[in-house]
Structure formats: C-alpha cells, structure tokens
Amino acid sequence: MGQVELRIDCLPEVPLDAAAEFHRDWLGRAREAIATPGADALVIVLPVAAKDHDDWRRAIARDLARACAPRRVNILGGGDAAAIAAMLAYLGDAPGITGQYLPLHD
C-alpha cells in the first residue's frame, strides 16, 4: 500500500475555527488512515488557505508525524490537481520527509 491520502475539501476561513474543525472531524480519520495495514505514510491534502492558517497546519503535521513514527505524515495545502499530483509523487519517493506542511501553488 505505501502512501495513503486523506483529502479535505473544505474548512472554515477563520484559522481558529478551521483548526477546531480539523481536530473534531478529521484528526481521528487521519489516525485511522495511517494505521491502515501496509500504510507507511499519510499525506493530508487541505484546501487553500491564507497565511494565518500556517501555524496550526505546521503543528498538526509535526505532532501527528511524531505520534505516528516511524510512519510518515505530511500535509499539503492548496494547489491545483497537477501540483498536488506532483507533490504526492515526490513524497512517495522521499522516505526521509515527514512532519512537514507544504503549501502549494497552482
């Protein structure tokens, strides 16, 4: 199986509300996804957001990666389909990268 993905298409615009919704509705799903037999990496794909969301997204990436080690966890933010596909392919072949929040551009 290798790398699994969790795509979240919509979160609130206010950073505090977005973080709360992620913790309430998505953190458990992320833990289930990385615990899937055969999964050694999880990439969470979040929607585009303003820079004031960066801190909570980095904290989730870092803390979830630490909690799930040696499995890897990274978070992508925004980007078009091509940018997301390229980064997913890159991360699939980059076993040393974990705990990162990577904002993407179209």
N, C-alpha and C. Protein backbone atom coordinates (compact mmCIF):
# COMPACT_ATOMS: atom_id res chain seq x y z
N MET A 1 0.83 -1.18 0.00
CA MET A 1 0.00 0.00 0.00
C MET A 1 0.87 1.24 0.00
N GLY A 2 1.78 1.41 0.96
CA GLY A 2 2.67 2.55 0.97
C GLY A 2 2.02 3.81 1.48
N GLN A 3 1.87 4.77 0.60
CA GLN A 3 1.37 6.09 0.97
C GLN A 3 -0.15 6.17 0.81
N VAL A 4 -0.84 6.64 1.85
CA VAL A 4 -2.27 6.86 1.77
C VAL A 4 -2.55 8.36 1.83
N GLU A 5 -3.71 8.74 1.30
CA GLU A 5 -4.09 10.15 1.25
C GLU A 5 -5.39 10.36 2.00
N LEU A 6 -5.48 11.53 2.61
CA LEU A 6 -6.73 11.99 3.21
C LEU A 6 -6.97 13.38 2.66
N ARG A 7 -8.04 13.52 1.88
CA ARG A 7 -8.36 14.81 1.25
C ARG A 7 -9.51 15.48 1.99
N ILE A 8 -9.27 16.73 2.33
CA ILE A 8 -10.28 17.55 3.00
C ILE A 8 -10.53 18.73 2.07
N ASP A 9 -11.75 18.82 1.56
CA ASP A 9 -12.06 19.82 0.55
C ASP A 9 -12.49 21.17 1.10
N CYS A 10 -12.96 21.21 2.33
CA CYS A 10 -13.49 22.47 2.84
C CYS A 10 -13.25 22.59 4.34
N LEU A 11 -12.72 23.73 4.74
CA LEU A 11 -12.56 24.08 6.14
C LEU A 11 -12.96 25.55 6.31
N PRO A 12 -13.30 25.97 7.51
CA PRO A 12 -13.65 27.37 7.72
C PRO A 12 -12.51 28.34 7.37
N GLU A 13 -12.88 29.58 7.04
CA GLU A 13 -11.89 30.59 6.69
C GLU A 13 -11.13 31.13 7.90
N VAL A 14 -11.75 31.13 9.06
CA VAL A 14 -11.11 31.63 10.27
C VAL A 14 -10.18 30.54 10.80
N PRO A 15 -8.89 30.85 11.01
CA PRO A 15 -7.92 29.82 11.42
C PRO A 15 -8.33 29.04 12.67
N LEU A 16 -8.79 29.71 13.69
CA LEU A 16 -9.16 29.02 14.92
C LEU A 16 -10.31 28.05 14.68
N ASP A 17 -11.28 28.46 13.88
CA ASP A 17 -12.40 27.59 13.54
C ASP A 17 -11.96 26.41 12.68
N ALA A 18 -11.05 26.67 11.74
CA ALA A 18 -10.55 25.59 10.89
C ALA A 18 -9.79 24.56 11.70
N ALA A 19 -8.94 25.02 12.62
CA ALA A 19 -8.20 24.09 13.47
C ALA A 19 -9.14 23.27 14.34
N ALA A 20 -10.16 23.93 14.89
CA ALA A 20 -11.12 23.21 15.74
C ALA A 20 -11.86 22.15 14.94
N GLU A 21 -12.29 22.51 13.72
CA GLU A 21 -12.99 21.53 12.88
C GLU A 21 -12.08 20.38 12.50
N PHE A 22 -10.82 20.68 12.17
CA PHE A 22 -9.89 19.60 11.84
C PHE A 22 -9.78 18.64 13.02
N HIS A 23 -9.55 19.16 14.21
CA HIS A 23 -9.41 18.29 15.38
C HIS A 23 -10.68 17.49 15.65
N ARG A 24 -11.80 18.13 15.52
CA ARG A 24 -13.08 17.48 15.83
C ARG A 24 -13.47 16.43 14.78
N ASP A 25 -13.33 16.78 13.49
CA ASP A 25 -13.89 15.94 12.43
C ASP A 25 -12.87 15.11 11.66
N TRP A 26 -11.61 15.50 11.68
CA TRP A 26 -10.65 14.88 10.78
C TRP A 26 -9.46 14.19 11.45
N LEU A 27 -9.11 14.59 12.65
CA LEU A 27 -7.93 14.00 13.29
C LEU A 27 -8.09 12.50 13.49
N GLY A 28 -9.24 12.06 13.93
CA GLY A 28 -9.49 10.63 14.09
C GLY A 28 -9.38 9.88 12.78
N ARG A 29 -9.88 10.47 11.71
CA ARG A 29 -9.79 9.84 10.39
C ARG A 29 -8.34 9.76 9.92
N ALA A 30 -7.56 10.79 10.23
CA ALA A 30 -6.14 10.76 9.88
C ALA A 30 -5.42 9.63 10.61
N ARG A 31 -5.71 9.48 11.88
CA ARG A 31 -5.09 8.40 12.66
C ARG A 31 -5.51 7.03 12.13
N GLU A 32 -6.77 6.89 11.75
CA GLU A 32 -7.23 5.62 11.17
C GLU A 32 -6.53 5.35 9.84
N ALA A 33 -6.37 6.38 9.03
CA ALA A 33 -5.74 6.20 7.72
C ALA A 33 -4.30 5.74 7.85
N ILE A 34 -3.54 6.35 8.75
CA ILE A 34 -2.13 5.96 8.90
C ILE A 34 -1.99 4.60 9.57
N ALA A 35 -3.02 4.18 10.29
CA ALA A 35 -2.99 2.87 10.94
C ALA A 35 -3.42 1.74 10.01
N THR A 36 -3.83 2.07 8.79
CA THR A 36 -4.23 1.06 7.82
C THR A 36 -3.08 0.09 7.59
N PRO A 37 -3.34 -1.22 7.65
CA PRO A 37 -2.26 -2.18 7.41
C PRO A 37 -1.58 -1.92 6.06
N GLY A 38 -0.26 -1.88 6.10
CA GLY A 38 0.52 -1.65 4.90
C GLY A 38 0.83 -0.19 4.63
N ALA A 39 0.19 0.72 5.34
CA ALA A 39 0.46 2.14 5.14
C ALA A 39 1.73 2.53 5.87
N ASP A 40 2.64 3.18 5.16
CA ASP A 40 3.84 3.67 5.84
C ASP A 40 3.95 5.19 5.77
N ALA A 41 2.98 5.83 5.09
CA ALA A 41 2.98 7.28 5.01
C ALA A 41 1.55 7.77 4.78
N LEU A 42 1.27 8.95 5.33
CA LEU A 42 -0.01 9.61 5.15
C LEU A 42 0.26 11.02 4.65
N VAL A 43 -0.47 11.41 3.61
CA VAL A 43 -0.45 12.79 3.14
C VAL A 43 -1.86 13.32 3.27
N ILE A 44 -2.00 14.38 4.05
CA ILE A 44 -3.28 15.05 4.22
C ILE A 44 -3.30 16.23 3.25
N VAL A 45 -4.31 16.27 2.40
CA VAL A 45 -4.43 17.35 1.41
C VAL A 45 -5.54 18.28 1.89
N LEU A 46 -5.14 19.52 2.22
CA LEU A 46 -6.07 20.52 2.72
C LEU A 46 -6.36 21.55 1.64
N PRO A 47 -7.48 22.26 1.76
CA PRO A 47 -7.78 23.30 0.77
C PRO A 47 -6.85 24.51 0.96
N VAL A 48 -6.81 25.35 -0.04
CA VAL A 48 -6.02 26.57 0.04
C VAL A 48 -6.52 27.40 1.22
N ALA A 49 -5.59 28.11 1.86
CA ALA A 49 -5.95 28.96 3.00
C ALA A 49 -4.96 30.11 3.08
N ALA A 50 -5.35 31.15 3.77
CA ALA A 50 -4.48 32.30 3.99
C ALA A 50 -3.29 31.91 4.87
N LYS A 51 -2.28 32.77 4.86
CA LYS A 51 -1.05 32.50 5.63
C LYS A 51 -1.31 32.34 7.12
N ASP A 52 -2.39 32.94 7.63
CA ASP A 52 -2.64 32.83 9.07
C ASP A 52 -3.10 31.44 9.50
N HIS A 53 -3.23 30.51 8.56
CA HIS A 53 -3.52 29.10 8.87
C HIS A 53 -2.24 28.28 9.00
N ASP A 54 -1.11 28.84 8.58
CA ASP A 54 0.13 28.06 8.53
C ASP A 54 0.53 27.46 9.87
N ASP A 55 0.40 28.21 10.96
CA ASP A 55 0.86 27.72 12.26
C ASP A 55 0.13 26.46 12.71
N TRP A 56 -1.20 26.45 12.63
CA TRP A 56 -1.91 25.26 13.10
C TRP A 56 -1.66 24.08 12.16
N ARG A 57 -1.49 24.35 10.88
CA ARG A 57 -1.22 23.27 9.93
C ARG A 57 0.17 22.67 10.18
N ARG A 58 1.16 23.50 10.43
CA ARG A 58 2.50 23.00 10.75
C ARG A 58 2.49 22.17 12.03
N ALA A 59 1.76 22.66 13.03
CA ALA A 59 1.69 21.93 14.30
C ALA A 59 1.06 20.55 14.12
N ILE A 60 0.00 20.47 13.34
CA ILE A 60 -0.63 19.16 13.08
C ILE A 60 0.35 18.24 12.37
N ALA A 61 1.01 18.74 11.34
CA ALA A 61 1.96 17.91 10.58
C ALA A 61 3.06 17.39 11.51
N ARG A 62 3.64 18.29 12.28
CA ARG A 62 4.75 17.93 13.17
C ARG A 62 4.31 16.95 14.25
N ASP A 63 3.22 17.28 14.95
CA ASP A 63 2.81 16.47 16.09
C ASP A 63 2.24 15.12 15.67
N LEU A 64 1.51 15.08 14.58
CA LEU A 64 0.98 13.81 14.10
C LEU A 64 2.11 12.91 13.60
N ALA A 65 3.10 13.49 12.95
CA ALA A 65 4.25 12.70 12.49
C ALA A 65 5.01 12.11 13.68
N ARG A 66 5.19 12.90 14.72
CA ARG A 66 5.88 12.37 15.91
C ARG A 66 5.09 11.24 16.55
N ALA A 67 3.77 11.42 16.62
CA ALA A 67 2.92 10.40 17.25
C ALA A 67 2.86 9.11 16.45
N CYS A 68 3.05 9.20 15.14
CA CYS A 68 2.89 8.03 14.27
C CYS A 68 4.21 7.42 13.83
N ALA A 69 5.33 7.98 14.25
CA ALA A 69 6.64 7.46 13.85
C ALA A 69 6.73 5.97 14.18
N PRO A 70 7.34 5.18 13.31
CA PRO A 70 8.17 5.55 12.16
C PRO A 70 7.40 5.81 10.86
N ARG A 71 6.08 5.73 10.92
CA ARG A 71 5.30 6.08 9.73
C ARG A 71 5.41 7.59 9.51
N ARG A 72 5.31 8.00 8.26
CA ARG A 72 5.48 9.41 7.91
C ARG A 72 4.14 10.10 7.73
N VAL A 73 4.07 11.37 8.10
CA VAL A 73 2.88 12.19 7.91
C VAL A 73 3.31 13.56 7.38
N ASN A 74 2.68 13.99 6.31
CA ASN A 74 2.91 15.32 5.75
C ASN A 74 1.57 15.92 5.36
N ILE A 75 1.53 17.25 5.28
CA ILE A 75 0.31 17.95 4.91
C ILE A 75 0.59 18.86 3.72
N LEU A 76 -0.28 18.78 2.72
CA LEU A 76 -0.24 19.69 1.57
C LEU A 76 -1.38 20.69 1.72
N GLY A 77 -1.13 21.92 1.30
CA GLY A 77 -2.16 22.94 1.37
C GLY A 77 -2.36 23.62 0.04
N GLY A 78 -3.59 23.56 -0.47
CA GLY A 78 -3.91 24.24 -1.72
C GLY A 78 -3.31 23.57 -2.92
N GLY A 79 -3.19 24.35 -4.00
CA GLY A 79 -2.61 23.83 -5.24
C GLY A 79 -3.65 23.24 -6.16
N ASP A 80 -3.34 23.26 -7.43
CA ASP A 80 -4.24 22.63 -8.41
C ASP A 80 -3.94 21.13 -8.47
N ALA A 81 -4.71 20.42 -9.28
CA ALA A 81 -4.57 18.96 -9.35
C ALA A 81 -3.17 18.54 -9.78
N ALA A 82 -2.57 19.27 -10.71
CA ALA A 82 -1.23 18.92 -11.19
C ALA A 82 -0.19 19.12 -10.09
N ALA A 83 -0.29 20.21 -9.34
CA ALA A 83 0.67 20.47 -8.26
C ALA A 83 0.54 19.42 -7.16
N ILE A 84 -0.70 19.07 -6.83
CA ILE A 84 -0.92 18.04 -5.80
C ILE A 84 -0.37 16.70 -6.27
N ALA A 85 -0.66 16.32 -7.50
CA ALA A 85 -0.17 15.04 -8.03
C ALA A 85 1.35 14.99 -8.03
N ALA A 86 1.99 16.09 -8.43
CA ALA A 86 3.45 16.13 -8.46
C ALA A 86 4.03 15.98 -7.06
N MET A 87 3.45 16.65 -6.08
CA MET A 87 3.97 16.56 -4.71
C MET A 87 3.69 15.19 -4.11
N LEU A 88 2.54 14.59 -4.42
CA LEU A 88 2.26 13.24 -3.93
C LEU A 88 3.28 12.25 -4.48
N ALA A 89 3.61 12.38 -5.76
CA ALA A 89 4.62 11.51 -6.36
C ALA A 89 5.98 11.72 -5.71
N TYR A 90 6.34 12.97 -5.50
CA TYR A 90 7.62 13.28 -4.86
C TYR A 90 7.69 12.67 -3.46
N LEU A 91 6.66 12.91 -2.65
CA LEU A 91 6.66 12.40 -1.28
C LEU A 91 6.65 10.87 -1.24
N GLY A 92 6.04 10.25 -2.23
CA GLY A 92 6.04 8.79 -2.30
C GLY A 92 7.42 8.20 -2.46
N ASP A 93 8.34 8.98 -3.02
CA ASP A 93 9.72 8.53 -3.22
C ASP A 93 10.71 9.23 -2.30
N ALA A 94 10.21 9.85 -1.22
CA ALA A 94 11.08 10.62 -0.32
C ALA A 94 10.89 10.13 1.12
N PRO A 95 11.47 8.98 1.45
CA PRO A 95 11.23 8.38 2.75
C PRO A 95 11.78 9.18 3.94
N GLY A 96 12.59 10.18 3.68
CA GLY A 96 13.15 10.98 4.78
C GLY A 96 12.32 12.20 5.13
N ILE A 97 11.25 12.47 4.39
CA ILE A 97 10.46 13.67 4.64
C ILE A 97 9.23 13.31 5.45
N THR A 98 9.11 13.92 6.62
CA THR A 98 7.94 13.71 7.48
C THR A 98 7.75 14.92 8.38
N GLY A 99 6.52 15.14 8.78
CA GLY A 99 6.22 16.23 9.70
C GLY A 99 6.23 17.60 9.05
N GLN A 100 6.02 17.64 7.73
CA GLN A 100 6.10 18.92 7.01
C GLN A 100 4.73 19.39 6.55
N TYR A 101 4.54 20.70 6.61
CA TYR A 101 3.39 21.35 5.97
C TYR A 101 3.93 22.04 4.72
N LEU A 102 3.40 21.65 3.58
CA LEU A 102 3.89 22.14 2.30
C LEU A 102 2.77 22.87 1.55
N PRO A 103 2.74 24.21 1.64
CA PRO A 103 1.75 24.96 0.87
C PRO A 103 2.10 24.92 -0.60
N LEU A 104 1.12 24.65 -1.43
CA LEU A 104 1.35 24.51 -2.87
C LEU A 104 0.76 25.71 -3.62
N HIS A 105 1.26 25.90 -4.83
CA HIS A 105 0.75 26.95 -5.71
C HIS A 105 0.30 26.30 -7.00
N ASP A 106 -0.63 26.94 -7.68
CA ASP A 106 -1.11 26.41 -8.96
C ASP A 106 -0.03 26.53 -10.02
